[in-house]
Amino acid sequence: MFRLASILYYLIATTLAGTAVIAVLTAGYDTLVQIIAAAIAGALLALPVSYYVAREIYQS
């Protein structure tokens, strides 16, 4: 399951980090610190999400 979760992480992390960066830019925050913080937050949020998705795939 770890192998599937790690593959899913690359897909989910880029999606969530990109979405977070776009949300930050849309909100008007355009400094480097805020953009990087949003990207890191999206990448960290992707860890439990990828584990949950991999677990659901294995259970079904």
PDB file of N, CA and C in Angstrom:
ATOM      1  N   MET A   1       0.817  -1.183   0.000  1.00  0.00           N
ATOM      2  CA  MET A   1       0.000   0.000   0.000  1.00  0.00           C
ATOM      3  C   MET A   1       0.870   1.260   0.000  1.00  0.00           C
ATOM      4  N   PHE A   2       2.058   1.174   0.603  1.00  0.00           N
ATOM      5  CA  PHE A   2       2.946   2.334   0.636  1.00  0.00           C
ATOM      6  C   PHE A   2       3.359   2.753  -0.769  1.00  0.00           C
ATOM      7  N   ARG A   3       3.563   1.779  -1.625  1.00  0.00           N
ATOM      8  CA  ARG A   3       3.964   2.091  -2.999  1.00  0.00           C
ATOM      9  C   ARG A   3       2.857   2.848  -3.737  1.00  0.00           C
ATOM     10  N   LEU A   4       1.637   2.402  -3.591  1.00  0.00           N
ATOM     11  CA  LEU A   4       0.513   3.089  -4.218  1.00  0.00           C
ATOM     12  C   LEU A   4       0.323   4.479  -3.620  1.00  0.00           C
ATOM     13  N   ALA A   5       0.459   4.592  -2.308  1.00  0.00           N
ATOM     14  CA  ALA A   5       0.300   5.887  -1.652  1.00  0.00           C
ATOM     15  C   ALA A   5       1.380   6.866  -2.105  1.00  0.00           C
ATOM     16  N   SER A   6       2.587   6.369  -2.322  1.00  0.00           N
ATOM     17  CA  SER A   6       3.646   7.276  -2.764  1.00  0.00           C
ATOM     18  C   SER A   6       3.435   7.730  -4.206  1.00  0.00           C
ATOM     19  N   ILE A   7       2.914   6.863  -5.037  1.00  0.00           N
ATOM     20  CA  ILE A   7       2.596   7.267  -6.411  1.00  0.00           C
ATOM     21  C   ILE A   7       1.446   8.262  -6.417  1.00  0.00           C
ATOM     22  N   LEU A   8       0.440   8.001  -5.612  1.00  0.00           N
ATOM     23  CA  LEU A   8      -0.686   8.923  -5.519  1.00  0.00           C
ATOM     24  C   LEU A   8      -0.270  10.262  -4.930  1.00  0.00           C
ATOM     25  N   TYR A   9       0.726  10.234  -4.038  1.00  0.00           N
ATOM     26  CA  TYR A   9       1.173  11.477  -3.411  1.00  0.00           C
ATOM     27  C   TYR A   9       1.678  12.473  -4.449  1.00  0.00           C
ATOM     28  N   TYR A  10       2.429  12.004  -5.422  1.00  0.00           N
ATOM     29  CA  TYR A  10       2.953  12.922  -6.432  1.00  0.00           C
ATOM     30  C   TYR A  10       1.830  13.586  -7.219  1.00  0.00           C
ATOM     31  N   LEU A  11       0.794  12.859  -7.503  1.00  0.00           N
ATOM     32  CA  LEU A  11      -0.335  13.439  -8.236  1.00  0.00           C
ATOM     33  C   LEU A  11      -1.164  14.374  -7.352  1.00  0.00           C
ATOM     34  N   ILE A  12      -1.438  13.929  -6.144  1.00  0.00           N
ATOM     35  CA  ILE A  12      -2.291  14.708  -5.250  1.00  0.00           C
ATOM     36  C   ILE A  12      -1.562  15.943  -4.744  1.00  0.00           C
ATOM     37  N   ALA A  13      -0.267  15.823  -4.461  1.00  0.00           N
ATOM     38  CA  ALA A  13       0.497  16.958  -3.928  1.00  0.00           C
ATOM     39  C   ALA A  13       0.591  18.088  -4.946  1.00  0.00           C
ATOM     40  N   THR A  14       0.835  17.739  -6.198  1.00  0.00           N
ATOM     41  CA  THR A  14       0.918  18.799  -7.201  1.00  0.00           C
ATOM     42  C   THR A  14      -0.437  19.477  -7.395  1.00  0.00           C
ATOM     43  N   THR A  15      -1.496  18.703  -7.320  1.00  0.00           N
ATOM     44  CA  THR A  15      -2.831  19.275  -7.470  1.00  0.00           C
ATOM     45  C   THR A  15      -3.179  20.196  -6.309  1.00  0.00           C
ATOM     46  N   LEU A  16      -2.959  19.723  -5.086  1.00  0.00           N
ATOM     47  CA  LEU A  16      -3.312  20.540  -3.925  1.00  0.00           C
ATOM     48  C   LEU A  16      -2.404  21.756  -3.783  1.00  0.00           C
ATOM     49  N   ALA A  17      -1.116  21.591  -4.041  1.00  0.00           N
ATOM     50  CA  ALA A  17      -0.201  22.727  -3.948  1.00  0.00           C
ATOM     51  C   ALA A  17      -0.530  23.769  -5.020  1.00  0.00           C
ATOM     52  N   GLY A  18      -0.818  23.321  -6.218  1.00  0.00           N
ATOM     53  CA  GLY A  18      -1.191  24.247  -7.279  1.00  0.00           C
ATOM     54  C   GLY A  18      -2.483  24.967  -6.984  1.00  0.00           C
ATOM     55  N   THR A  19      -3.449  24.253  -6.452  1.00  0.00           N
ATOM     56  CA  THR A  19      -4.723  24.867  -6.089  1.00  0.00           C
ATOM     57  C   THR A  19      -4.533  25.890  -4.977  1.00  0.00           C
ATOM     58  N   ALA A  20      -3.699  25.556  -4.004  1.00  0.00           N
ATOM     59  CA  ALA A  20      -3.444  26.494  -2.903  1.00  0.00           C
ATOM     60  C   ALA A  20      -2.736  27.750  -3.402  1.00  0.00           C
ATOM     61  N   VAL A  21      -1.781  27.591  -4.293  1.00  0.00           N
ATOM     62  CA  VAL A  21      -1.072  28.750  -4.840  1.00  0.00           C
ATOM     63  C   VAL A  21      -2.029  29.634  -5.640  1.00  0.00           C
ATOM     64  N   ILE A  22      -2.882  29.029  -6.434  1.00  0.00           N
ATOM     65  CA  ILE A  22      -3.850  29.809  -7.205  1.00  0.00           C
ATOM     66  C   ILE A  22      -4.834  30.524  -6.278  1.00  0.00           C
ATOM     67  N   ALA A  23      -5.242  29.856  -5.203  1.00  0.00           N
ATOM     68  CA  ALA A  23      -6.154  30.490  -4.249  1.00  0.00           C
ATOM     69  C   ALA A  23      -5.486  31.676  -3.563  1.00  0.00           C
ATOM     70  N   VAL A  24      -4.213  31.541  -3.219  1.00  0.00           N
ATOM     71  CA  VAL A  24      -3.487  32.638  -2.582  1.00  0.00           C
ATOM     72  C   VAL A  24      -3.330  33.808  -3.552  1.00  0.00           C
ATOM     73  N   LEU A  25      -2.995  33.511  -4.782  1.00  0.00           N
ATOM     74  CA  LEU A  25      -2.837  34.580  -5.769  1.00  0.00           C
ATOM     75  C   LEU A  25      -4.162  35.273  -6.068  1.00  0.00           C
ATOM     76  N   THR A  26      -5.234  34.507  -6.102  1.00  0.00           N
ATOM     77  CA  THR A  26      -6.550  35.082  -6.349  1.00  0.00           C
ATOM     78  C   THR A  26      -6.983  35.978  -5.190  1.00  0.00           C
ATOM     79  N   ALA A  27      -6.586  35.604  -3.982  1.00  0.00           N
ATOM     80  CA  ALA A  27      -6.942  36.409  -2.810  1.00  0.00           C
ATOM     81  C   ALA A  27      -6.141  37.697  -2.726  1.00  0.00           C
ATOM     82  N   GLY A  28      -5.133  37.843  -3.574  1.00  0.00           N
ATOM     83  CA  GLY A  28      -4.385  39.081  -3.600  1.00  0.00           C
ATOM     84  C   GLY A  28      -3.055  39.040  -2.876  1.00  0.00           C
ATOM     85  N   TYR A  29      -2.703  37.911  -2.320  1.00  0.00           N
ATOM     86  CA  TYR A  29      -1.415  37.772  -1.651  1.00  0.00           C
ATOM     87  C   TYR A  29      -0.386  37.357  -2.691  1.00  0.00           C
ATOM     88  N   ASP A  30       0.524  38.259  -3.013  1.00  0.00           N
ATOM     89  CA  ASP A  30       1.437  37.954  -4.105  1.00  0.00           C
ATOM     90  C   ASP A  30       2.908  38.052  -3.713  1.00  0.00           C
ATOM     91  N   THR A  31       3.196  37.903  -2.421  1.00  0.00           N
ATOM     92  CA  THR A  31       4.600  37.880  -2.015  1.00  0.00           C
ATOM     93  C   THR A  31       5.122  36.450  -2.052  1.00  0.00           C
ATOM     94  N   LEU A  32       6.415  36.334  -2.140  1.00  0.00           N
ATOM     95  CA  LEU A  32       7.046  35.022  -2.261  1.00  0.00           C
ATOM     96  C   LEU A  32       6.790  34.137  -1.050  1.00  0.00           C
ATOM     97  N   VAL A  33       6.816  34.727   0.125  1.00  0.00           N
ATOM     98  CA  VAL A  33       6.629  33.945   1.357  1.00  0.00           C
ATOM     99  C   VAL A  33       5.244  33.313   1.380  1.00  0.00           C
ATOM    100  N   GLN A  34       4.236  34.049   1.003  1.00  0.00           N
ATOM    101  CA  GLN A  34       2.873  33.520   1.037  1.00  0.00           C
ATOM    102  C   GLN A  34       2.647  32.462  -0.037  1.00  0.00           C
ATOM    103  N   ILE A  35       3.270  32.626  -1.182  1.00  0.00           N
ATOM    104  CA  ILE A  35       3.134  31.638  -2.253  1.00  0.00           C
ATOM    105  C   ILE A  35       3.818  30.333  -1.848  1.00  0.00           C
ATOM    106  N   ILE A  36       5.020  30.440  -1.280  1.00  0.00           N
ATOM    107  CA  ILE A  36       5.740  29.235  -0.844  1.00  0.00           C
ATOM    108  C   ILE A  36       5.011  28.559   0.313  1.00  0.00           C
ATOM    109  N   ALA A  37       4.462  29.346   1.233  1.00  0.00           N
ATOM    110  CA  ALA A  37       3.708  28.776   2.351  1.00  0.00           C
ATOM    111  C   ALA A  37       2.483  28.015   1.852  1.00  0.00           C
ATOM    112  N   ALA A  38       1.813  28.540   0.849  1.00  0.00           N
ATOM    113  CA  ALA A  38       0.653  27.850   0.290  1.00  0.00           C
ATOM    114  C   ALA A  38       1.066  26.551  -0.390  1.00  0.00           C
ATOM    115  N   ALA A  39       2.190  26.569  -1.102  1.00  0.00           N
ATOM    116  CA  ALA A  39       2.667  25.356  -1.763  1.00  0.00           C
ATOM    117  C   ALA A  39       3.067  24.297  -0.737  1.00  0.00           C
ATOM    118  N   ILE A  40       3.720  24.698   0.325  1.00  0.00           N
ATOM    119  CA  ILE A  40       4.112  23.750   1.373  1.00  0.00           C
ATOM    120  C   ILE A  40       2.881  23.202   2.086  1.00  0.00           C
ATOM    121  N   ALA A  41       1.911  24.066   2.342  1.00  0.00           N
ATOM    122  CA  ALA A  41       0.677  23.605   2.995  1.00  0.00           C
ATOM    123  C   ALA A  41      -0.058  22.584   2.123  1.00  0.00           C
ATOM    124  N   GLY A  42      -0.092  22.829   0.824  1.00  0.00           N
ATOM    125  CA  GLY A  42      -0.719  21.860  -0.082  1.00  0.00           C
ATOM    126  C   GLY A  42       0.025  20.538  -0.120  1.00  0.00           C
ATOM    127  N   ALA A  43       1.352  20.601  -0.087  1.00  0.00           N
ATOM    128  CA  ALA A  43       2.144  19.368  -0.093  1.00  0.00           C
ATOM    129  C   ALA A  43       1.979  18.592   1.205  1.00  0.00           C
ATOM    130  N   LEU A  44       1.897  19.290   2.318  1.00  0.00           N
ATOM    131  CA  LEU A  44       1.697  18.606   3.595  1.00  0.00           C
ATOM    132  C   LEU A  44       0.292  18.037   3.722  1.00  0.00           C
ATOM    133  N   LEU A  45      -0.678  18.742   3.199  1.00  0.00           N
ATOM    134  CA  LEU A  45      -2.055  18.243   3.230  1.00  0.00           C
ATOM    135  C   LEU A  45      -2.208  16.997   2.365  1.00  0.00           C
ATOM    136  N   ALA A  46      -1.368  16.859   1.376  1.00  0.00           N
ATOM    137  CA  ALA A  46      -1.454  15.717   0.470  1.00  0.00           C
ATOM    138  C   ALA A  46      -1.016  14.410   1.131  1.00  0.00           C
ATOM    139  N   LEU A  47      -0.242  14.476   2.200  1.00  0.00           N
ATOM    140  CA  LEU A  47       0.200  13.246   2.866  1.00  0.00           C
ATOM    141  C   LEU A  47      -0.961  12.409   3.397  1.00  0.00           C
ATOM    142  N   PRO A  48      -1.821  12.954   4.274  1.00  0.00           N
ATOM    143  CA  PRO A  48      -2.939  12.128   4.738  1.00  0.00           C
ATOM    144  C   PRO A  48      -3.966  11.820   3.650  1.00  0.00           C
ATOM    145  N   VAL A  49      -4.116  12.750   2.697  1.00  0.00           N
ATOM    146  CA  VAL A  49      -5.082  12.516   1.627  1.00  0.00           C
ATOM    147  C   VAL A  49      -4.644  11.340   0.766  1.00  0.00           C
ATOM    148  N   SER A  50      -3.372  11.271   0.425  1.00  0.00           N
ATOM    149  CA  SER A  50      -2.888  10.166  -0.404  1.00  0.00           C
ATOM    150  C   SER A  50      -2.973   8.838   0.351  1.00  0.00           C
ATOM    151  N   TYR A  51      -2.721   8.868   1.657  1.00  0.00           N
ATOM    152  CA  TYR A  51      -2.862   7.641   2.446  1.00  0.00           C
ATOM    153  C   TYR A  51      -4.315   7.177   2.467  1.00  0.00           C
ATOM    154  N   TYR A  52      -5.244   8.118   2.655  1.00  0.00           N
ATOM    155  CA  TYR A  52      -6.659   7.774   2.692  1.00  0.00           C
ATOM    156  C   TYR A  52      -7.132   7.226   1.345  1.00  0.00           C
ATOM    157  N   VAL A  53      -6.710   7.837   0.259  1.00  0.00           N
ATOM    158  CA  VAL A  53      -7.115   7.373  -1.074  1.00  0.00           C
ATOM    159  C   VAL A  53      -6.549   5.979  -1.340  1.00  0.00           C
ATOM    160  N   ALA A  54      -5.289   5.748  -0.980  1.00  0.00           N
ATOM    161  CA  ALA A  54      -4.684   4.425  -1.185  1.00  0.00           C
ATOM    162  C   ALA A  54      -5.389   3.375  -0.343  1.00  0.00           C
ATOM    163  N   ARG A  55      -5.755   3.732   0.874  1.00  0.00           N
ATOM    164  CA  ARG A  55      -6.472   2.783   1.744  1.00  0.00           C
ATOM    165  C   ARG A  55      -7.838   2.440   1.176  1.00  0.00           C
ATOM    166  N   GLU A  56      -8.523   3.435   0.636  1.00  0.00           N
ATOM    167  CA  GLU A  56      -9.837   3.186   0.045  1.00  0.00           C
ATOM    168  C   GLU A  56      -9.714   2.330  -1.224  1.00  0.00           C
ATOM    169  N   ILE A  57      -8.670   2.526  -1.996  1.00  0.00           N
ATOM    170  CA  ILE A  57      -8.477   1.704  -3.193  1.00  0.00           C
ATOM    171  C   ILE A  57      -8.214   0.263  -2.813  1.00  0.00           C
ATOM    172  N   TYR A  58      -7.400   0.037  -1.792  1.00  0.00           N
ATOM    173  CA  TYR A  58      -7.108  -1.323  -1.369  1.00  0.00           C
ATOM    174  C   TYR A  58      -8.308  -2.010  -0.746  1.00  0.00           C
ATOM    175  N   GLN A  59      -9.160  -1.279  -0.072  1.00  0.00           N
ATOM    176  CA  GLN A  59     -10.318  -1.898   0.575  1.00  0.00           C
ATOM    177  C   GLN A  59     -11.432  -2.248  -0.400  1.00  0.00           C
ATOM    178  N   SER A  60     -11.469  -1.580  -1.531  1.00  0.00           N
ATOM    179  CA  SER A  60     -12.553  -1.861  -2.481  1.00  0.00           C
ATOM    180  C   SER A  60     -12.184  -2.905  -3.481  1.00  0.00           C
TER     181      SER A  60
END
